[in-house]
Protein backbone atom coordinates (compact mmCIF):
# COMPACT_ATOMS: atom_id res chain seq x y z
CA MET A 1 153.67 -19.98 41.75
CA ILE A 2 156.69 -18.11 40.27
CA VAL A 3 157.91 -14.78 41.71
CA PHE A 4 161.11 -13.00 40.58
CA GLY A 5 162.44 -16.16 39.04
CA TYR A 6 161.71 -18.33 42.06
CA ARG A 7 159.21 -21.15 42.10
CA PHE A 8 157.14 -22.07 45.15
CA LYS A 9 155.31 -25.34 44.68
CA PRO A 10 155.40 -27.45 47.88
CA GLN A 11 154.08 -30.97 48.04
CA LEU A 12 150.78 -31.51 49.87
CA TRP A 13 152.40 -33.76 52.49
CA ALA A 14 154.98 -31.06 53.27
CA ILE A 15 152.25 -28.47 53.78
CA ILE A 16 150.29 -30.77 56.10
CA ILE A 17 153.26 -31.84 58.21
CA SER A 18 154.61 -28.28 58.53
CA ALA A 19 151.17 -26.94 59.45
CA ILE A 20 150.75 -29.60 62.14
CA PHE A 21 154.11 -28.81 63.73
CA VAL A 22 153.52 -25.06 63.62
CA LEU A 23 150.10 -25.52 65.23
CA ILE A 24 151.54 -27.74 67.96
CA PHE A 25 154.38 -25.31 68.75
CA VAL A 26 152.02 -22.32 68.84
CA GLU A 27 149.56 -24.09 71.14
CA LEU A 28 152.38 -25.14 73.49
CA GLY A 29 153.58 -21.54 73.56
CA LYS A 30 150.08 -20.28 74.37
CA TRP A 31 149.78 -22.89 77.14
CA GLN A 32 153.05 -21.71 78.70
CA LEU A 33 151.78 -18.11 78.57
CA SER A 34 148.59 -19.16 80.37
CA ARG A 35 150.66 -20.92 83.05
CA ALA A 36 152.76 -17.78 83.49
CA GLU A 37 149.64 -15.64 83.90
CA GLU A 38 148.24 -18.13 86.41
CA LYS A 39 151.44 -17.99 88.47
CA ASP A 40 151.50 -14.19 88.37
CA THR A 41 147.89 -14.10 89.60
CA GLN A 42 148.67 -16.49 92.45
CA TYR A 43 151.72 -14.45 93.44
CA LYS A 44 149.68 -11.25 93.53
CA ARG A 45 147.19 -12.99 95.81
CA LEU A 46 150.04 -14.13 98.06
CA GLU A 47 151.41 -10.59 98.25
CA GLU A 48 147.96 -9.23 99.07
CA TYR A 49 147.17 -11.82 101.75
CA ALA A 50 150.57 -11.26 103.39
CA ARG A 51 149.36 -7.80 104.39
CA HIS A 52 146.20 -9.15 106.05
CA PRO A 53 145.97 -10.35 109.68
CA ALA A 54 145.53 -14.05 110.39
CA ILE A 55 141.97 -15.39 110.34
CA ALA A 56 140.50 -18.32 112.26
CA LEU A 57 140.23 -21.54 110.25
CA PRO A 58 136.57 -22.68 110.28
CA LYS A 59 135.70 -25.83 112.17
CA SER A 60 133.62 -27.10 109.23
CA LEU A 61 135.00 -28.48 105.96
CA VAL A 62 136.78 -25.83 103.91
CA LYS A 63 137.81 -25.50 100.26
CA LEU A 64 141.46 -25.02 99.35
CA GLU A 65 140.72 -22.26 96.84
CA ASP A 66 138.97 -20.20 99.54
CA PHE A 67 141.97 -20.18 101.89
CA GLN A 68 145.11 -20.84 99.83
CA PHE A 69 147.92 -18.39 100.69
CA ARG A 70 145.90 -17.00 103.62
CA GLU A 71 147.42 -16.84 107.10
CA VAL A 72 145.19 -18.69 109.55
CA GLU A 73 144.99 -19.57 113.23
CA ILE A 74 143.95 -22.99 114.48
CA GLU A 75 143.47 -24.11 118.07
CA GLY A 76 143.65 -27.77 118.91
CA GLU A 77 145.86 -30.65 119.98
CA TYR A 78 148.61 -32.37 118.02
CA LEU A 79 148.18 -36.09 117.27
CA ALA A 80 151.89 -36.66 117.84
CA GLU A 81 151.76 -40.42 117.26
CA GLN A 82 150.61 -39.79 113.67
CA THR A 83 153.66 -37.68 112.77
CA ILE A 84 155.34 -38.52 109.45
CA LEU A 85 158.53 -37.26 107.79
CA ILE A 86 158.64 -36.12 104.16
CA ASP A 87 162.02 -37.13 102.73
CA ASN A 88 164.44 -35.29 100.42
CA LYS A 89 163.90 -31.80 101.80
CA THR A 90 167.00 -29.61 101.92
CA TYR A 91 167.80 -26.48 103.89
CA LYS A 92 170.93 -24.45 103.12
CA GLY A 93 172.43 -27.43 101.34
CA ARG A 94 171.74 -29.93 104.12
CA ALA A 95 169.54 -32.99 103.67
CA GLY A 96 166.55 -33.40 105.91
CA TYR A 97 162.83 -33.95 106.35
CA HIS A 98 159.67 -31.90 106.63
CA VAL A 99 157.73 -32.85 109.75
CA ILE A 100 153.99 -33.35 109.21
CA THR A 101 151.70 -33.73 112.23
CA PRO A 102 147.89 -33.63 112.20
CA LEU A 103 146.26 -31.16 114.59
CA LYS A 104 142.86 -32.13 116.02
CA ILE A 105 140.84 -28.91 115.70
CA LEU A 106 139.12 -27.85 118.92
CA ASN A 107 135.36 -28.55 118.92
CA SER A 108 135.48 -29.94 115.39
CA GLY A 109 135.24 -33.33 113.73
CA PHE A 110 138.17 -32.39 111.48
CA SER A 111 141.91 -32.35 111.86
CA VAL A 112 144.40 -30.47 109.67
CA ALA A 113 147.88 -31.46 108.49
CA ILE A 114 150.55 -29.11 109.82
CA ASN A 115 153.98 -28.83 108.24
CA ARG A 116 155.83 -28.04 111.44
CA GLY A 117 159.17 -27.34 109.72
CA TRP A 118 162.47 -28.87 108.68
CA VAL A 119 164.81 -31.17 110.58
CA ALA A 120 168.19 -32.57 109.51
CA THR A 121 168.62 -36.26 108.73
CA GLY A 122 171.75 -36.82 110.81
CA HIS A 123 174.74 -38.98 109.85
CA ASN A 124 172.86 -42.28 109.97
CA ARG A 125 169.65 -42.27 107.94
CA GLU A 126 168.60 -45.50 109.64
CA ILE A 127 168.10 -43.48 112.83
CA LEU A 128 165.21 -41.04 112.52
CA PRO A 129 165.51 -37.64 114.21
CA ASP A 130 163.83 -37.17 117.57
CA ILE A 131 160.88 -34.83 117.10
CA PRO A 132 159.79 -33.06 120.31
CA GLU A 133 156.12 -33.55 121.11
CA MET A 134 153.92 -30.52 121.68
CA LYS A 135 151.40 -31.72 124.27
CA GLY A 136 148.14 -30.17 125.30
CA MET A 137 145.99 -27.53 123.69
CA ILE A 138 147.95 -25.10 121.51
CA LYS A 139 147.26 -22.38 118.95
CA VAL A 140 149.07 -22.66 115.62
CA THR A 141 149.50 -19.86 113.10
CA GLY A 142 150.51 -20.61 109.54
CA VAL A 143 149.94 -20.12 105.83
CA VAL A 144 147.53 -22.34 103.91
CA ALA A 145 149.23 -24.25 101.10
CA SER A 146 148.14 -26.90 98.64
CA PRO A 147 149.00 -30.43 99.78
CA GLU A 148 150.90 -32.56 97.28
CA VAL A 149 148.40 -35.23 96.22
CA ARG A 150 149.63 -38.31 94.38
CA THR A 151 147.58 -38.86 91.22
CA LEU A 152 148.86 -42.34 90.36
CA GLU A 153 148.97 -45.32 92.70
CA LEU A 154 150.91 -48.38 91.56
CA SER A 155 149.42 -50.58 94.23
CA ASP A 156 146.30 -50.76 96.38
CA SER A 157 148.52 -51.57 99.34
CA ILE A 158 149.78 -48.39 101.05
CA ASN A 159 152.38 -48.75 103.78
CA HIS A 160 154.76 -45.80 103.95
CA GLY A 161 155.86 -46.13 107.55
CA LYS A 162 157.13 -42.94 109.17
CA VAL A 163 159.12 -41.69 106.15
CA TRP A 164 157.24 -40.75 102.97
CA ASP A 165 158.70 -39.63 99.68
CA LYS A 166 155.88 -37.05 99.32
CA LEU A 167 152.65 -36.16 101.06
CA ASP A 168 149.62 -37.99 99.70
CA LEU A 169 146.88 -36.41 101.79
CA ARG A 170 144.15 -38.92 100.95
CA SER A 171 146.40 -41.89 101.79
CA TYR A 172 147.55 -40.17 104.96
CA GLU A 173 143.95 -39.55 106.00
CA LYS A 174 143.07 -43.20 105.40
CA ILE A 175 146.06 -44.54 107.33
CA ILE A 176 145.67 -42.37 110.45
CA GLY A 177 141.87 -42.78 110.47
CA VAL A 178 140.85 -39.13 110.87
CA ASP A 179 139.05 -36.64 108.64
CA LEU A 180 141.51 -34.06 107.34
CA GLN A 181 140.84 -30.65 105.91
CA PRO A 182 141.96 -30.62 102.21
CA ILE A 183 144.80 -28.19 102.96
CA LEU A 184 148.30 -28.07 104.42
CA ILE A 185 149.39 -25.45 106.95
CA LEU A 186 152.96 -24.13 106.87
CA GLN A 187 153.49 -23.33 110.53
CA LYS A 188 154.97 -19.91 111.32
CA ASP A 189 155.02 -19.93 115.14
CA LYS A 190 158.49 -20.11 116.66
CA PHE A 191 157.91 -22.90 119.17
CA ASN A 192 160.96 -24.16 121.02
CA ASP A 193 161.00 -27.54 119.26
CA GLY A 194 164.24 -27.34 117.26
CA LEU A 195 162.46 -27.29 113.90
CA VAL A 196 163.37 -24.79 111.18
CA ARG A 197 160.45 -22.81 109.77
CA ASP A 198 162.29 -20.60 107.32
CA TRP A 199 159.78 -20.85 104.48
CA GLU A 200 161.23 -19.39 101.32
CA LYS A 201 159.24 -16.67 99.63
CA ASN A 202 160.26 -17.05 96.00
CA ASP A 203 159.09 -15.04 93.02
CA SER A 204 156.14 -16.27 91.02
CA GLY A 205 158.31 -18.46 88.78
CA SER A 206 156.50 -17.15 85.71
CA SER A 207 159.76 -16.09 84.04
CA LYS A 208 160.51 -19.73 83.22
CA ASN A 209 157.13 -20.14 81.55
CA TYR A 210 157.64 -16.97 79.51
CA GLY A 211 161.01 -18.35 78.45
CA TYR A 212 159.49 -21.70 77.45
CA ALA A 213 156.77 -19.86 75.51
CA MET A 214 159.37 -17.94 73.51
CA GLN A 215 161.15 -21.22 72.72
CA TRP A 216 157.96 -22.81 71.39
CA PHE A 217 157.10 -19.73 69.31
CA SER A 218 160.67 -19.69 67.98
CA LEU A 219 160.31 -23.32 66.91
CA ALA A 220 157.10 -22.43 65.09
CA ILE A 221 158.90 -19.63 63.21
CA THR A 222 161.88 -21.90 62.50
CA THR A 223 159.54 -24.55 61.07
CA ILE A 224 158.01 -21.98 58.72
CA ILE A 225 161.46 -20.79 57.60
CA ILE A 226 162.65 -24.35 56.94
CA PHE A 227 159.46 -25.07 54.99
CA LEU A 228 160.01 -22.02 52.78
CA VAL A 229 163.72 -22.68 52.23
CA LEU A 230 163.13 -26.29 51.18
CA ASN A 231 160.28 -25.42 48.83
CA VAL A 232 161.50 -22.24 47.10
CA LYS A 233 163.71 -22.92 44.08
CA ARG A 234 165.07 -20.90 41.14
CA THR A 235 163.48 -21.54 37.79
CA ASN A 236 165.40 -22.28 34.57
CA SER A 237 168.65 -22.46 36.48
CA LYS A 238 170.26 -24.67 33.82
CA ASN A 239 169.41 -22.32 30.94
CA LYS A 240 170.72 -19.27 32.79
CA SER A 241 174.00 -20.96 33.66
CA ALA A 242 174.56 -21.96 29.96
């Protein structure tokens, strides 16, 4: 095809390769947009639930999607001996742990994992911090969050000890030998136990996804421009120069 003295006749392989890359970049951009919309929707739910009073967590098995971001109340007794520490958690620049203790729900066959808050590591990481025990029947108020579930196990043998790199709820349930609700509660009550419960309320985080989407779409446009530049040439250039 010749237009205004320029010839456009790309090779078939160039068309195929360019089309594949453009398609990939566009699909990645669309995926980032969908992630941004999902985060915005979740954030709106969080904002809405924050205005609602706390509700009682059912004693029967619940679904995460039915309670995520909701503020709930649970009455029961902490299984203090099953407390674990989640490593690499910082607070105002200081290294520390998140303290996870299961709460045996009153008159229920289920327990629920409670993130009781943050505690500093101390100068010697070999010495674990002393976590005060909350004995007897108590009522805990907190926000339902999604537990971090490990999707890949490198070994059938699971032995984390008291310090875990992340919370694997299914492994935790198996090790402590109790049935856990498939949720994590971020405790809000200000018990006198020395733990910090200053849960950050960030924005939705969708701005990053929108930024990534623009980058992928820009790469798609750049690919098209490069394809055109490399395949558009002047005709009869030698004759005109003579």
